[in-house]
Amino acid sequence: MLVATRDAPVKSFTYAAVIPKWTSALLQGEPVFINGDGETSRDFCFVTNAVQANLLADTVAGTDARNQVYNLTAHGIRGKNNERQTLFPQFGYLH
């Protein structure tokens, strides 16, 4: 089974690191930065989804499932602005 992203073979972990960086800055009372307009978004895949897909792929009899594309994402597309609106108020910041 090949697991790939739709827009690049190698992803930067910068986007994934934004939540821990923001949380750390908010806890320390430091400024929080959003690069660009904050509309960059991703749809995430849970590790359990990938594991389950691999296990299920091993149980398929015949060839009907071969050479097919399966979407394992969580369909929870989140942008940085969405994350900011969720996270910041928990630290007493309105913006």
C-alpha atoms as a PDB file:
ATOM      1  CA  MET A   1       0.000   0.000   0.000  1.00  0.00           C
ATOM      2  CA  LEU A   2       1.335   3.425  -0.929  1.00  0.00           C
ATOM      3  CA  VAL A   3       0.445   6.270   1.400  1.00  0.00           C
ATOM      4  CA  ALA A   4       1.013   9.655  -0.209  1.00  0.00           C
ATOM      5  CA  THR A   5       0.005  13.262   0.034  1.00  0.00           C
ATOM      6  CA  ARG A   6      -1.819  14.900  -2.823  1.00  0.00           C
ATOM      7  CA  ASP A   7       0.425  17.924  -3.232  1.00  0.00           C
ATOM      8  CA  ALA A   8       3.980  16.910  -2.385  1.00  0.00           C
ATOM      9  CA  PRO A   9       5.994  13.760  -1.734  1.00  0.00           C
ATOM     10  CA  VAL A  10       7.678  15.269   1.343  1.00  0.00           C
ATOM     11  CA  LYS A  11       5.825  17.480   3.796  1.00  0.00           C
ATOM     12  CA  SER A  12       7.253  20.175   5.985  1.00  0.00           C
ATOM     13  CA  PHE A  13       6.454  19.661   9.633  1.00  0.00           C
ATOM     14  CA  THR A  14       6.144  23.419  10.129  1.00  0.00           C
ATOM     15  CA  TYR A  15       2.347  23.318   9.901  1.00  0.00           C
ATOM     16  CA  ALA A  16       2.065  20.440  12.358  1.00  0.00           C
ATOM     17  CA  ALA A  17       4.314  22.277  14.810  1.00  0.00           C
ATOM     18  CA  VAL A  18       2.230  25.456  14.879  1.00  0.00           C
ATOM     19  CA  ILE A  19      -0.108  24.341  17.693  1.00  0.00           C
ATOM     20  CA  PRO A  20       2.688  23.406  20.155  1.00  0.00           C
ATOM     21  CA  LYS A  21       4.562  26.615  19.274  1.00  0.00           C
ATOM     22  CA  TRP A  22       1.465  28.753  19.822  1.00  0.00           C
ATOM     23  CA  THR A  23       0.630  26.964  23.077  1.00  0.00           C
ATOM     24  CA  SER A  24       4.143  27.470  24.397  1.00  0.00           C
ATOM     25  CA  ALA A  25       4.123  31.157  23.453  1.00  0.00           C
ATOM     26  CA  LEU A  26       0.679  31.714  25.013  1.00  0.00           C
ATOM     27  CA  LEU A  27       1.736  30.017  28.247  1.00  0.00           C
ATOM     28  CA  GLN A  28       4.837  32.222  28.420  1.00  0.00           C
ATOM     29  CA  GLY A  29       2.986  35.426  27.478  1.00  0.00           C
ATOM     30  CA  GLU A  30       5.010  35.781  24.282  1.00  0.00           C
ATOM     31  CA  PRO A  31       3.711  37.037  20.910  1.00  0.00           C
ATOM     32  CA  VAL A  32       2.153  34.526  18.541  1.00  0.00           C
ATOM     33  CA  PHE A  33       2.801  34.838  14.835  1.00  0.00           C
ATOM     34  CA  ILE A  34       0.722  33.719  11.874  1.00  0.00           C
ATOM     35  CA  ASN A  35       2.611  33.694   8.594  1.00  0.00           C
ATOM     36  CA  GLY A  36       0.513  34.693   5.601  1.00  0.00           C
ATOM     37  CA  ASP A  37      -3.248  35.115   5.858  1.00  0.00           C
ATOM     38  CA  GLY A  38      -3.829  32.075   8.086  1.00  0.00           C
ATOM     39  CA  GLU A  39      -5.962  30.322   5.482  1.00  0.00           C
ATOM     40  CA  THR A  40      -3.479  27.502   4.852  1.00  0.00           C
ATOM     41  CA  SER A  41      -5.277  24.274   5.666  1.00  0.00           C
ATOM     42  CA  ARG A  42      -4.808  20.530   5.806  1.00  0.00           C
ATOM     43  CA  ASP A  43      -6.985  17.487   6.228  1.00  0.00           C
ATOM     44  CA  PHE A  44      -5.375  15.151   8.717  1.00  0.00           C
ATOM     45  CA  CYS A  45      -5.161  11.375   8.784  1.00  0.00           C
ATOM     46  CA  PHE A  46      -5.179   9.591  12.103  1.00  0.00           C
ATOM     47  CA  VAL A  47      -2.525   6.913  12.562  1.00  0.00           C
ATOM     48  CA  THR A  48      -5.272   4.440  13.465  1.00  0.00           C
ATOM     49  CA  ASN A  49      -6.909   5.069  10.054  1.00  0.00           C
ATOM     50  CA  ALA A  50      -3.671   4.221   8.246  1.00  0.00           C
ATOM     51  CA  VAL A  51      -3.120   1.110  10.382  1.00  0.00           C
ATOM     52  CA  GLN A  52      -6.680  -0.072   9.824  1.00  0.00           C
ATOM     53  CA  ALA A  53      -6.373   0.494   6.054  1.00  0.00           C
ATOM     54  CA  ASN A  54      -3.201  -1.590   5.943  1.00  0.00           C
ATOM     55  CA  LEU A  55      -4.791  -4.390   7.963  1.00  0.00           C
ATOM     56  CA  LEU A  56      -7.907  -4.364   5.784  1.00  0.00           C
ATOM     57  CA  ALA A  57      -5.827  -4.343   2.596  1.00  0.00           C
ATOM     58  CA  ASP A  58      -4.277  -7.617   3.717  1.00  0.00           C
ATOM     59  CA  THR A  59      -7.701  -9.281   4.040  1.00  0.00           C
ATOM     60  CA  VAL A  60      -9.049  -8.489   0.562  1.00  0.00           C
ATOM     61  CA  ALA A  61      -9.540 -11.547  -1.611  1.00  0.00           C
ATOM     62  CA  GLY A  62      -9.160 -11.202  -5.352  1.00  0.00           C
ATOM     63  CA  THR A  63      -7.937  -8.182  -7.250  1.00  0.00           C
ATOM     64  CA  ASP A  64     -10.924  -5.797  -7.177  1.00  0.00           C
ATOM     65  CA  ALA A  65      -9.301  -3.536  -4.604  1.00  0.00           C
ATOM     66  CA  ARG A  66      -5.953  -3.278  -6.389  1.00  0.00           C
ATOM     67  CA  ASN A  67      -4.871  -0.060  -8.068  1.00  0.00           C
ATOM     68  CA  GLN A  68      -7.628   1.932  -6.386  1.00  0.00           C
ATOM     69  CA  VAL A  69      -7.402   5.219  -4.498  1.00  0.00           C
ATOM     70  CA  TYR A  70      -8.754   5.359  -0.945  1.00  0.00           C
ATOM     71  CA  ASN A  71      -9.103   8.510   1.126  1.00  0.00           C
ATOM     72  CA  LEU A  72      -7.977   7.901   4.711  1.00  0.00           C
ATOM     73  CA  THR A  73      -8.261  11.474   5.908  1.00  0.00           C
ATOM     74  CA  ALA A  74     -10.475  12.573   8.761  1.00  0.00           C
ATOM     75  CA  HIS A  75     -12.393  15.108   6.621  1.00  0.00           C
ATOM     76  CA  GLY A  76     -11.674  17.683   9.274  1.00  0.00           C
ATOM     77  CA  ILE A  77     -10.000  20.384   7.221  1.00  0.00           C
ATOM     78  CA  ARG A  78      -8.595  22.968   9.591  1.00  0.00           C
ATOM     79  CA  GLY A  79      -6.835  26.221   8.805  1.00  0.00           C
ATOM     80  CA  LYS A  80      -4.539  28.216  11.053  1.00  0.00           C
ATOM     81  CA  ASN A  81      -7.274  30.805  11.591  1.00  0.00           C
ATOM     82  CA  ASN A  82      -9.638  28.038  12.771  1.00  0.00           C
ATOM     83  CA  GLU A  83      -7.002  26.739  15.166  1.00  0.00           C
ATOM     84  CA  ARG A  84      -6.316  30.244  16.451  1.00  0.00           C
ATOM     85  CA  GLN A  85     -10.027  30.854  17.120  1.00  0.00           C
ATOM     86  CA  THR A  86     -10.201  27.595  19.076  1.00  0.00           C
ATOM     87  CA  LEU A  87      -6.937  27.846  21.001  1.00  0.00           C
ATOM     88  CA  PHE A  88      -6.475  31.506  21.897  1.00  0.00           C
ATOM     89  CA  PRO A  89      -9.649  32.009  24.001  1.00  0.00           C
ATOM     90  CA  GLN A  90      -8.566  29.112  26.234  1.00  0.00           C
ATOM     91  CA  PHE A  91      -5.626  31.307  27.261  1.00  0.00           C
ATOM     92  CA  GLY A  92      -7.691  34.455  27.731  1.00  0.00           C
ATOM     93  CA  TYR A  93      -6.939  35.972  24.323  1.00  0.00           C
ATOM     94  CA  LEU A  94      -9.861  37.117  22.206  1.00  0.00           C
ATOM     95  CA  HIS A  95      -7.898  37.445  18.947  1.00  0.00           C
END
